[in-house]
Amino acid sequence: MKTVTAAVARRAAVLGSPVEHSLSPVLHGAAYEALGLTGWHYGKVECLEADLAGFLDGLRPEWAGLSLTMPLKRVALEVADQVGSVATAVGAANTLLLSGGGRRAENTDVRGIAEALRESGVEKVEQPVVLGAGGTAQAALAALRELGGTEPTVLVRDPARTVELRATAERLDVRPRIIAGLGTEPLPEADVVISTLPSGAADWLRCAGSAAGTQTVVLDVIYAPWPTRFAAGAQTGGCRVVGGLLVLLHQAVAQVELMTGRTAPVDQMRSALEAAVAARES
């Protein structure tokens, strides 16, 4: 039987730009319903980097937390009073916890990526490839490190724009091989490939497979539209493909637990997410 909690007014939201099509409200809303948190409400707010500090200054005490998407993941560290150890190591945060006037930055993207890979059967990574160098790529380095992937190959458009990524790698004691290589040639052989590139940027890339002869797992963090051309091509080429919805689910599970102090109802959140995606596609 579902336990009903007193209707204490609490608020949370996803911030970023664009956020109109974000599925985070579906996930958090399903969690609140399953947990009986009848006074909790989760919304979405368009917000650019320059607007974040002002938005935070205007919040009232009923705000429990914020989910942050692009382009706010790095500036989140600048507006926080405290920064969690994972967010510190990554150099980016996707969560702000609000309590007693304080702001604590956390990063649940790492857990989202790691759990998505684990759910897809990945227990150990030996030959990873990461595409991109932004905040999500930084989180990917930390997730791969959890799974043993300490020497990833990172493919970028411009190696000169990898200062933050290199700093993250140093903090994590990860030794990436950074290469300018996002053309039409096949990707290096890998057991896991994680694409953190924006929609369309990986359309022409081809997965070469694994040197060990095992099936390569390709995780594309994009979840809409799905499948991406990159994911579809990888699947046709024999790779096991994982979509960004799994990352979205597991990072939201961690956020719900941080914001509410309760164990997240994973099954109910998954079902709500699947129903929302099906409704969009119908």
C-alpha atoms as a PDB file:
ATOM      1  CA  MET A   1       0.000   0.000   0.000  1.00  0.00           C
ATOM      2  CA  LYS A   2       1.298   3.441  -0.913  1.00  0.00           C
ATOM      3  CA  THR A   3       2.115   5.607   2.084  1.00  0.00           C
ATOM      4  CA  VAL A   4       0.603   9.076   1.820  1.00  0.00           C
ATOM      5  CA  THR A   5       2.790  11.861   3.177  1.00  0.00           C
ATOM      6  CA  ALA A   6       1.354  15.103   4.494  1.00  0.00           C
ATOM      7  CA  ALA A   7       0.931  17.739   1.795  1.00  0.00           C
ATOM      8  CA  VAL A   8       3.979  19.849   2.573  1.00  0.00           C
ATOM      9  CA  ALA A   9       4.448  22.373  -0.214  1.00  0.00           C
ATOM     10  CA  ARG A  10       7.813  21.754  -1.864  1.00  0.00           C
ATOM     11  CA  ARG A  11       8.997  22.712  -5.317  1.00  0.00           C
ATOM     12  CA  ALA A  12      11.667  21.574  -7.747  1.00  0.00           C
ATOM     13  CA  ALA A  13      12.279  22.089 -11.454  1.00  0.00           C
ATOM     14  CA  VAL A  14      14.568  21.454 -14.385  1.00  0.00           C
ATOM     15  CA  LEU A  15      16.460  24.507 -15.662  1.00  0.00           C
ATOM     16  CA  GLY A  16      18.314  25.004 -18.920  1.00  0.00           C
ATOM     17  CA  SER A  17      17.775  25.983 -22.519  1.00  0.00           C
ATOM     18  CA  PRO A  18      15.934  24.490 -24.228  1.00  0.00           C
ATOM     19  CA  VAL A  19      13.822  22.574 -21.669  1.00  0.00           C
ATOM     20  CA  GLU A  20      10.386  22.577 -23.283  1.00  0.00           C
ATOM     21  CA  HIS A  21      10.648  18.917 -24.270  1.00  0.00           C
ATOM     22  CA  SER A  22      12.375  17.719 -21.098  1.00  0.00           C
ATOM     23  CA  LEU A  23      11.062  14.471 -19.632  1.00  0.00           C
ATOM     24  CA  SER A  24      12.416  15.234 -16.164  1.00  0.00           C
ATOM     25  CA  PRO A  25       8.979  16.412 -14.936  1.00  0.00           C
ATOM     26  CA  VAL A  26       7.555  13.015 -15.910  1.00  0.00           C
ATOM     27  CA  LEU A  27      10.196  11.168 -13.890  1.00  0.00           C
ATOM     28  CA  HIS A  28      10.093  13.351 -10.792  1.00  0.00           C
ATOM     29  CA  GLY A  29       6.310  13.629 -10.889  1.00  0.00           C
ATOM     30  CA  ALA A  30       5.958   9.848 -11.018  1.00  0.00           C
ATOM     31  CA  ALA A  31       8.299   9.544  -8.050  1.00  0.00           C
ATOM     32  CA  TYR A  32       6.327  12.066  -5.981  1.00  0.00           C
ATOM     33  CA  GLU A  33       3.080  10.232  -6.738  1.00  0.00           C
ATOM     34  CA  ALA A  34       4.501   6.817  -5.876  1.00  0.00           C
ATOM     35  CA  LEU A  35       6.019   8.163  -2.656  1.00  0.00           C
ATOM     36  CA  GLY A  36       2.821   9.925  -1.631  1.00  0.00           C
ATOM     37  CA  LEU A  37       4.477  13.350  -1.676  1.00  0.00           C
ATOM     38  CA  THR A  38       1.218  15.114  -2.513  1.00  0.00           C
ATOM     39  CA  GLY A  39       2.499  18.615  -1.821  1.00  0.00           C
ATOM     40  CA  TRP A  40       5.505  18.369  -4.125  1.00  0.00           C
ATOM     41  CA  HIS A  41       5.522  19.972  -7.578  1.00  0.00           C
ATOM     42  CA  TYR A  42       8.168  19.722 -10.306  1.00  0.00           C
ATOM     43  CA  GLY A  43       8.276  22.160 -13.219  1.00  0.00           C
ATOM     44  CA  LYS A  44      10.590  23.395 -15.957  1.00  0.00           C
ATOM     45  CA  VAL A  45      12.150  26.815 -16.486  1.00  0.00           C
ATOM     46  CA  GLU A  46      14.013  28.232 -19.470  1.00  0.00           C
ATOM     47  CA  CYS A  47      17.258  29.610 -18.071  1.00  0.00           C
ATOM     48  CA  LEU A  48      20.562  30.709 -19.568  1.00  0.00           C
ATOM     49  CA  GLU A  49      23.899  30.960 -17.751  1.00  0.00           C
ATOM     50  CA  ALA A  50      23.577  34.699 -17.190  1.00  0.00           C
ATOM     51  CA  ASP A  51      20.130  34.232 -15.612  1.00  0.00           C
ATOM     52  CA  LEU A  52      20.912  31.460 -13.114  1.00  0.00           C
ATOM     53  CA  ALA A  53      22.208  33.543 -10.210  1.00  0.00           C
ATOM     54  CA  GLY A  54      19.262  35.916 -10.373  1.00  0.00           C
ATOM     55  CA  PHE A  55      16.780  33.063 -10.547  1.00  0.00           C
ATOM     56  CA  LEU A  56      18.308  31.459  -7.469  1.00  0.00           C
ATOM     57  CA  ASP A  57      18.221  34.721  -5.534  1.00  0.00           C
ATOM     58  CA  GLY A  58      14.467  34.925  -6.099  1.00  0.00           C
ATOM     59  CA  LEU A  59      13.596  31.463  -4.805  1.00  0.00           C
ATOM     60  CA  ARG A  60      11.488  31.021  -1.683  1.00  0.00           C
ATOM     61  CA  PRO A  61      12.138  28.455   1.108  1.00  0.00           C
ATOM     62  CA  GLU A  62       9.771  25.832  -0.375  1.00  0.00           C
ATOM     63  CA  TRP A  63      12.269  25.073  -3.135  1.00  0.00           C
ATOM     64  CA  ALA A  64      14.026  21.735  -2.508  1.00  0.00           C
ATOM     65  CA  GLY A  65      16.233  21.409  -5.554  1.00  0.00           C
ATOM     66  CA  LEU A  66      16.927  21.975  -9.220  1.00  0.00           C
ATOM     67  CA  SER A  67      17.918  19.708 -12.076  1.00  0.00           C
ATOM     68  CA  LEU A  68      20.306  21.466 -14.432  1.00  0.00           C
ATOM     69  CA  THR A  69      20.789  20.741 -18.084  1.00  0.00           C
ATOM     70  CA  MET A  70      22.822  22.536 -20.735  1.00  0.00           C
ATOM     71  CA  PRO A  71      24.167  25.187 -20.642  1.00  0.00           C
ATOM     72  CA  LEU A  72      24.185  25.367 -16.826  1.00  0.00           C
ATOM     73  CA  LYS A  73      26.296  22.397 -15.749  1.00  0.00           C
ATOM     74  CA  ARG A  74      29.568  24.266 -15.296  1.00  0.00           C
ATOM     75  CA  VAL A  75      28.229  27.587 -14.038  1.00  0.00           C
ATOM     76  CA  ALA A  76      26.361  25.633 -11.342  1.00  0.00           C
ATOM     77  CA  LEU A  77      29.630  25.301  -9.455  1.00  0.00           C
ATOM     78  CA  GLU A  78      30.002  29.078  -9.350  1.00  0.00           C
ATOM     79  CA  VAL A  79      26.604  29.698  -7.723  1.00  0.00           C
ATOM     80  CA  ALA A  80      26.885  26.912  -5.125  1.00  0.00           C
ATOM     81  CA  ASP A  81      27.938  27.324  -1.490  1.00  0.00           C
ATOM     82  CA  GLN A  82      29.095  23.705  -1.344  1.00  0.00           C
ATOM     83  CA  VAL A  83      30.135  21.274  -4.071  1.00  0.00           C
ATOM     84  CA  GLY A  84      29.926  17.507  -3.673  1.00  0.00           C
ATOM     85  CA  SER A  85      32.988  15.365  -4.254  1.00  0.00           C
ATOM     86  CA  VAL A  86      31.779  13.890  -7.554  1.00  0.00           C
ATOM     87  CA  ALA A  87      30.816  17.306  -8.944  1.00  0.00           C
ATOM     88  CA  THR A  88      34.193  18.656  -7.811  1.00  0.00           C
ATOM     89  CA  ALA A  89      36.054  15.873  -9.579  1.00  0.00           C
ATOM     90  CA  VAL A  90      33.997  16.165 -12.750  1.00  0.00           C
ATOM     91  CA  GLY A  91      34.012  19.948 -12.821  1.00  0.00           C
ATOM     92  CA  ALA A  92      30.313  20.105 -13.619  1.00  0.00           C
ATOM     93  CA  ALA A  93      27.012  19.632 -11.788  1.00  0.00           C
ATOM     94  CA  ASN A  94      23.509  18.743 -12.916  1.00  0.00           C
ATOM     95  CA  THR A  95      21.847  19.149  -9.515  1.00  0.00           C
ATOM     96  CA  LEU A  96      21.469  21.955  -6.987  1.00  0.00           C
ATOM     97  CA  LEU A  97      20.116  21.055  -3.554  1.00  0.00           C
ATOM     98  CA  LEU A  98      18.474  23.942  -1.717  1.00  0.00           C
ATOM     99  CA  SER A  99      18.146  23.905   2.054  1.00  0.00           C
ATOM    100  CA  GLY A 100      18.172  26.590   4.725  1.00  0.00           C
ATOM    101  CA  GLY A 101      19.288  29.198   2.232  1.00  0.00           C
ATOM    102  CA  GLY A 102      22.268  27.092   1.149  1.00  0.00           C
ATOM    103  CA  ARG A 103      23.052  25.636  -2.259  1.00  0.00           C
ATOM    104  CA  ARG A 104      24.930  22.368  -2.755  1.00  0.00           C
ATOM    105  CA  ALA A 105      25.984  21.264  -6.224  1.00  0.00           C
ATOM    106  CA  GLU A 106      25.970  17.554  -7.023  1.00  0.00           C
ATOM    107  CA  ASN A 107      26.516  15.467 -10.137  1.00  0.00           C
ATOM    108  CA  THR A 108      24.176  12.530 -10.785  1.00  0.00           C
ATOM    109  CA  ASP A 109      25.119  12.235 -14.474  1.00  0.00           C
ATOM    110  CA  VAL A 110      27.989   9.961 -13.444  1.00  0.00           C
ATOM    111  CA  ARG A 111      25.615   7.563 -11.717  1.00  0.00           C
ATOM    112  CA  GLY A 112      23.223   7.791 -14.655  1.00  0.00           C
ATOM    113  CA  ILE A 113      25.875   6.774 -17.185  1.00  0.00           C
ATOM    114  CA  ALA A 114      27.405   4.070 -15.008  1.00  0.00           C
ATOM    115  CA  GLU A 115      24.039   2.503 -14.133  1.00  0.00           C
ATOM    116  CA  ALA A 116      22.870   2.615 -17.755  1.00  0.00           C
ATOM    117  CA  LEU A 117      25.982   0.671 -18.766  1.00  0.00           C
ATOM    118  CA  ARG A 118      25.602  -1.789 -15.893  1.00  0.00           C
ATOM    119  CA  GLU A 119      21.947  -2.399 -16.751  1.00  0.00           C
ATOM    120  CA  SER A 120      23.110  -3.165 -20.289  1.00  0.00           C
ATOM    121  CA  GLY A 121      25.485  -5.842 -19.029  1.00  0.00           C
ATOM    122  CA  VAL A 122      28.719  -3.857 -18.781  1.00  0.00           C
ATOM    123  CA  GLU A 123      30.612  -4.738 -15.607  1.00  0.00           C
ATOM    124  CA  LYS A 124      34.151  -3.859 -16.668  1.00  0.00           C
ATOM    125  CA  VAL A 125      35.504  -1.518 -19.344  1.00  0.00           C
ATOM    126  CA  GLU A 126      38.933  -1.974 -20.867  1.00  0.00           C
ATOM    127  CA  GLN A 127      38.961  -0.100 -24.169  1.00  0.00           C
ATOM    128  CA  PRO A 128      36.548   2.860 -24.029  1.00  0.00           C
ATOM    129  CA  VAL A 129      35.995   5.635 -26.542  1.00  0.00           C
ATOM    130  CA  VAL A 130      34.285   8.928 -25.681  1.00  0.00           C
ATOM    131  CA  LEU A 131      32.945  11.329 -28.293  1.00  0.00           C
ATOM    132  CA  GLY A 132      32.944  14.992 -27.286  1.00  0.00           C
ATOM    133  CA  ALA A 133      34.522  17.126 -24.567  1.00  0.00           C
ATOM    134  CA  GLY A 134      31.676  18.951 -22.810  1.00  0.00           C
ATOM    135  CA  GLY A 135      30.226  18.546 -19.321  1.00  0.00           C
ATOM    136  CA  THR A 136      28.605  15.200 -20.140  1.00  0.00           C
ATOM    137  CA  ALA A 137      31.902  13.898 -21.510  1.00  0.00           C
ATOM    138  CA  GLN A 138      33.525  14.880 -18.222  1.00  0.00           C
ATOM    139  CA  ALA A 139      30.886  12.844 -16.377  1.00  0.00           C
ATOM    140  CA  ALA A 140      31.500   9.966 -18.792  1.00  0.00           C
ATOM    141  CA  LEU A 141      35.180   9.882 -17.781  1.00  0.00           C
ATOM    142  CA  ALA A 142      34.144   9.477 -14.140  1.00  0.00           C
ATOM    143  CA  ALA A 143      31.607   6.758 -14.969  1.00  0.00           C
ATOM    144  CA  LEU A 144      34.146   4.833 -17.049  1.00  0.00           C
ATOM    145  CA  ARG A 145      36.675   5.111 -14.231  1.00  0.00           C
ATOM    146  CA  GLU A 146      34.164   3.380 -11.920  1.00  0.00           C
ATOM    147  CA  LEU A 147      34.072   0.522 -14.418  1.00  0.00           C
ATOM    148  CA  GLY A 148      37.840   0.291 -14.863  1.00  0.00           C
ATOM    149  CA  GLY A 149      38.216   2.419 -17.994  1.00  0.00           C
ATOM    150  CA  THR A 150      41.109   4.652 -16.977  1.00  0.00           C
ATOM    151  CA  GLU A 151      42.704   5.135 -20.406  1.00  0.00           C
ATOM    152  CA  PRO A 152      39.895   6.217 -22.744  1.00  0.00           C
ATOM    153  CA  THR A 153      40.315   7.515 -26.244  1.00  0.00           C
ATOM    154  CA  VAL A 154      38.485  10.835 -26.549  1.00  0.00           C
ATOM    155  CA  LEU A 155      37.599  12.103 -30.007  1.00  0.00           C
ATOM    156  CA  VAL A 156      36.941  15.827 -30.357  1.00  0.00           C
ATOM    157  CA  ARG A 157      36.656  18.416 -33.093  1.00  0.00           C
ATOM    158  CA  ASP A 158      39.217  20.783 -31.598  1.00  0.00           C
ATOM    159  CA  PRO A 159      41.778  19.545 -29.039  1.00  0.00           C
ATOM    160  CA  ALA A 160      42.440  23.171 -28.053  1.00  0.00           C
ATOM    161  CA  ARG A 161      38.944  23.259 -26.506  1.00  0.00           C
ATOM    162  CA  THR A 162      39.550  20.444 -24.038  1.00  0.00           C
ATOM    163  CA  VAL A 163      40.957  22.387 -21.085  1.00  0.00           C
ATOM    164  CA  GLU A 164      38.092  21.443 -18.743  1.00  0.00           C
ATOM    165  CA  LEU A 165      38.130  17.816 -19.884  1.00  0.00           C
ATOM    166  CA  ARG A 166      41.870  17.525 -19.246  1.00  0.00           C
ATOM    167  CA  ALA A 167      41.443  19.061 -15.794  1.00  0.00           C
ATOM    168  CA  THR A 168      38.708  16.538 -15.005  1.00  0.00           C
ATOM    169  CA  ALA A 169      40.934  13.679 -16.149  1.00  0.00           C
ATOM    170  CA  GLU A 170      43.751  14.879 -13.894  1.00  0.00           C
ATOM    171  CA  ARG A 171      41.458  15.085 -10.855  1.00  0.00           C
ATOM    172  CA  LEU A 172      40.141  11.581 -11.582  1.00  0.00           C
ATOM    173  CA  ASP A 173      43.622  10.152 -12.274  1.00  0.00           C
ATOM    174  CA  VAL A 174      42.418   9.162 -15.726  1.00  0.00           C
ATOM    175  CA  ARG A 175      44.797   9.211 -18.687  1.00  0.00           C
ATOM    176  CA  PRO A 176      42.831   9.993 -21.843  1.00  0.00           C
ATOM    177  CA  ARG A 177      44.240   9.935 -25.351  1.00  0.00           C
ATOM    178  CA  ILE A 178      42.676  13.009 -26.937  1.00  0.00           C
ATOM    179  CA  ILE A 179      42.461  12.980 -30.723  1.00  0.00           C
ATOM    180  CA  ALA A 180      41.014  15.363 -33.285  1.00  0.00           C
ATOM    181  CA  GLY A 181      38.953  12.810 -35.143  1.00  0.00           C
ATOM    182  CA  LEU A 182      35.247  13.331 -35.727  1.00  0.00           C
ATOM    183  CA  GLY A 183      35.251  12.799 -39.460  1.00  0.00           C
ATOM    184  CA  THR A 184      33.865   9.976 -41.558  1.00  0.00           C
ATOM    185  CA  GLU A 185      36.481   7.347 -40.696  1.00  0.00           C
ATOM    186  CA  PRO A 186      35.446   4.396 -38.496  1.00  0.00           C
ATOM    187  CA  LEU A 187      35.884   4.946 -34.772  1.00  0.00           C
ATOM    188  CA  PRO A 188      38.767   3.204 -33.004  1.00  0.00           C
ATOM    189  CA  GLU A 189      38.125  -0.328 -31.816  1.00  0.00           C
ATOM    190  CA  ALA A 190      36.429  -0.304 -28.416  1.00  0.00           C
ATOM    191  CA  ASP A 191      34.412  -2.359 -25.985  1.00  0.00           C
ATOM    192  CA  VAL A 192      32.354   0.710 -24.974  1.00  0.00           C
ATOM    193  CA  VAL A 193      31.650   3.869 -26.972  1.00  0.00           C
ATOM    194  CA  ILE A 194      29.910   6.821 -25.309  1.00  0.00           C
ATOM    195  CA  SER A 195      28.669   9.632 -27.524  1.00  0.00           C
ATOM    196  CA  THR A 196      28.063  12.912 -25.698  1.00  0.00           C
ATOM    197  CA  LEU A 197      27.690  14.865 -28.937  1.00  0.00           C
ATOM    198  CA  PRO A 198      24.621  17.003 -29.679  1.00  0.00           C
ATOM    199  CA  SER A 199      21.879  15.774 -31.975  1.00  0.00           C
ATOM    200  CA  GLY A 200      23.122  15.201 -35.511  1.00  0.00           C
ATOM    201  CA  ALA A 201      26.807  15.668 -34.728  1.00  0.00           C
ATOM    202  CA  ALA A 202      27.551  11.927 -34.765  1.00  0.00           C
ATOM    203  CA  ASP A 203      25.342  10.995 -37.724  1.00  0.00           C
ATOM    204  CA  TRP A 204      28.207  10.055 -40.013  1.00  0.00           C
ATOM    205  CA  LEU A 205      30.368   8.192 -37.512  1.00  0.00           C
ATOM    206  CA  ARG A 206      30.724   4.432 -37.796  1.00  0.00           C
ATOM    207  CA  CYS A 207      31.497   1.973 -35.030  1.00  0.00           C
ATOM    208  CA  ALA A 208      34.428  -0.329 -35.859  1.00  0.00           C
ATOM    209  CA  GLY A 209      33.767  -2.954 -33.182  1.00  0.00           C
ATOM    210  CA  SER A 210      35.900  -4.440 -30.433  1.00  0.00           C
ATOM    211  CA  ALA A 211      39.443  -5.687 -30.742  1.00  0.00           C
ATOM    212  CA  ALA A 212      38.650  -8.378 -28.177  1.00  0.00           C
ATOM    213  CA  GLY A 213      36.012  -9.855 -30.449  1.00  0.00           C
ATOM    214  CA  THR A 214      33.185  -9.085 -28.021  1.00  0.00           C
ATOM    215  CA  GLN A 215      30.130  -7.048 -28.903  1.00  0.00           C
ATOM    216  CA  THR A 216      30.781  -3.331 -28.584  1.00  0.00           C
ATOM    217  CA  VAL A 217      28.319  -1.424 -26.406  1.00  0.00           C
ATOM    218  CA  VAL A 218      27.405   2.007 -27.803  1.00  0.00           C
ATOM    219  CA  LEU A 219      25.759   4.495 -25.448  1.00  0.00           C
ATOM    220  CA  ASP A 220      24.332   7.593 -27.134  1.00  0.00           C
ATOM    221  CA  VAL A 221      23.210  10.068 -24.458  1.00  0.00           C
ATOM    222  CA  ILE A 222      20.596  11.571 -26.796  1.00  0.00           C
ATOM    223  CA  TYR A 223      17.098  10.193 -26.245  1.00  0.00           C
ATOM    224  CA  ALA A 224      14.996  12.219 -28.685  1.00  0.00           C
ATOM    225  CA  PRO A 225      14.680  11.733 -31.533  1.00  0.00           C
ATOM    226  CA  TRP A 226      15.485   8.040 -31.169  1.00  0.00           C
ATOM    227  CA  PRO A 227      17.166   6.162 -32.606  1.00  0.00           C
ATOM    228  CA  THR A 228      19.779   8.634 -33.774  1.00  0.00           C
ATOM    229  CA  ARG A 229      21.432   7.878 -37.087  1.00  0.00           C
ATOM    230  CA  PHE A 230      24.603   7.055 -35.184  1.00  0.00           C
ATOM    231  CA  ALA A 231      22.793   4.581 -32.914  1.00  0.00           C
ATOM    232  CA  ALA A 232      20.920   2.979 -35.808  1.00  0.00           C
ATOM    233  CA  GLY A 233      24.143   2.575 -37.761  1.00  0.00           C
ATOM    234  CA  ALA A 234      25.915   1.063 -34.771  1.00  0.00           C
ATOM    235  CA  GLN A 235      23.111  -1.442 -34.267  1.00  0.00           C
ATOM    236  CA  THR A 236      23.165  -2.411 -37.927  1.00  0.00           C
ATOM    237  CA  GLY A 237      26.914  -2.901 -37.575  1.00  0.00           C
ATOM    238  CA  GLY A 238      26.421  -5.421 -34.774  1.00  0.00           C
ATOM    239  CA  CYS A 239      26.904  -3.202 -31.722  1.00  0.00           C
ATOM    240  CA  ARG A 240      24.675  -3.353 -28.643  1.00  0.00           C
ATOM    241  CA  VAL A 241      23.051   0.069 -28.451  1.00  0.00           C
ATOM    242  CA  VAL A 242      21.973   1.880 -25.291  1.00  0.00           C
ATOM    243  CA  GLY A 243      19.882   5.039 -25.466  1.00  0.00           C
ATOM    244  CA  GLY A 244      19.978   8.167 -23.376  1.00  0.00           C
ATOM    245  CA  LEU A 245      16.646   7.329 -21.728  1.00  0.00           C
ATOM    246  CA  LEU A 246      18.425   4.920 -19.403  1.00  0.00           C
ATOM    247  CA  VAL A 247      20.883   7.642 -18.427  1.00  0.00           C
ATOM    248  CA  LEU A 248      18.000  10.062 -17.882  1.00  0.00           C
ATOM    249  CA  LEU A 249      16.197   7.534 -15.683  1.00  0.00           C
ATOM    250  CA  HIS A 250      19.112   6.674 -13.442  1.00  0.00           C
ATOM    251  CA  GLN A 251      20.364  10.229 -12.979  1.00  0.00           C
ATOM    252  CA  ALA A 252      16.796  11.235 -12.034  1.00  0.00           C
ATOM    253  CA  VAL A 253      16.601   8.358  -9.539  1.00  0.00           C
ATOM    254  CA  ALA A 254      19.654   9.800  -7.795  1.00  0.00           C
ATOM    255  CA  GLN A 255      18.209  13.320  -7.902  1.00  0.00           C
ATOM    256  CA  VAL A 256      14.911  12.228  -6.355  1.00  0.00           C
ATOM    257  CA  GLU A 257      16.776  10.568  -3.513  1.00  0.00           C
ATOM    258  CA  LEU A 258      18.932  13.640  -2.907  1.00  0.00           C
ATOM    259  CA  MET A 259      16.004  16.067  -2.994  1.00  0.00           C
ATOM    260  CA  THR A 260      13.453  14.064  -1.012  1.00  0.00           C
ATOM    261  CA  GLY A 261      15.613  11.917   1.275  1.00  0.00           C
ATOM    262  CA  ARG A 262      13.539   8.908   0.200  1.00  0.00           C
ATOM    263  CA  THR A 263      14.389   5.785  -1.802  1.00  0.00           C
ATOM    264  CA  ALA A 264      13.334   6.448  -5.372  1.00  0.00           C
ATOM    265  CA  PRO A 265      10.596   4.215  -6.889  1.00  0.00           C
ATOM    266  CA  VAL A 266      12.605   3.094  -9.911  1.00  0.00           C
ATOM    267  CA  ASP A 267       9.942   0.831 -11.442  1.00  0.00           C
ATOM    268  CA  GLN A 268       7.242   3.503 -11.340  1.00  0.00           C
ATOM    269  CA  MET A 269       9.613   6.105 -12.772  1.00  0.00           C
ATOM    270  CA  ARG A 270      10.629   3.747 -15.576  1.00  0.00           C
ATOM    271  CA  SER A 271       7.006   2.965 -16.439  1.00  0.00           C
ATOM    272  CA  ALA A 272       6.073   6.655 -16.521  1.00  0.00           C
ATOM    273  CA  LEU A 273       9.039   7.425 -18.754  1.00  0.00           C
ATOM    274  CA  GLU A 274       8.191   4.638 -21.190  1.00  0.00           C
ATOM    275  CA  ALA A 275       4.556   5.772 -21.323  1.00  0.00           C
ATOM    276  CA  ALA A 276       5.567   9.381 -22.008  1.00  0.00           C
ATOM    277  CA  VAL A 277       7.899   8.349 -24.815  1.00  0.00           C
ATOM    278  CA  ALA A 278       5.220   6.112 -26.350  1.00  0.00           C
ATOM    279  CA  ALA A 279       2.710   8.962 -26.214  1.00  0.00           C
ATOM    280  CA  ARG A 280       5.132  11.280 -28.015  1.00  0.00           C
ATOM    281  CA  GLU A 281       5.760   8.750 -30.733  1.00  0.00           C
ATOM    282  CA  SER A 282       2.082   7.954 -31.333  1.00  0.00           C
END
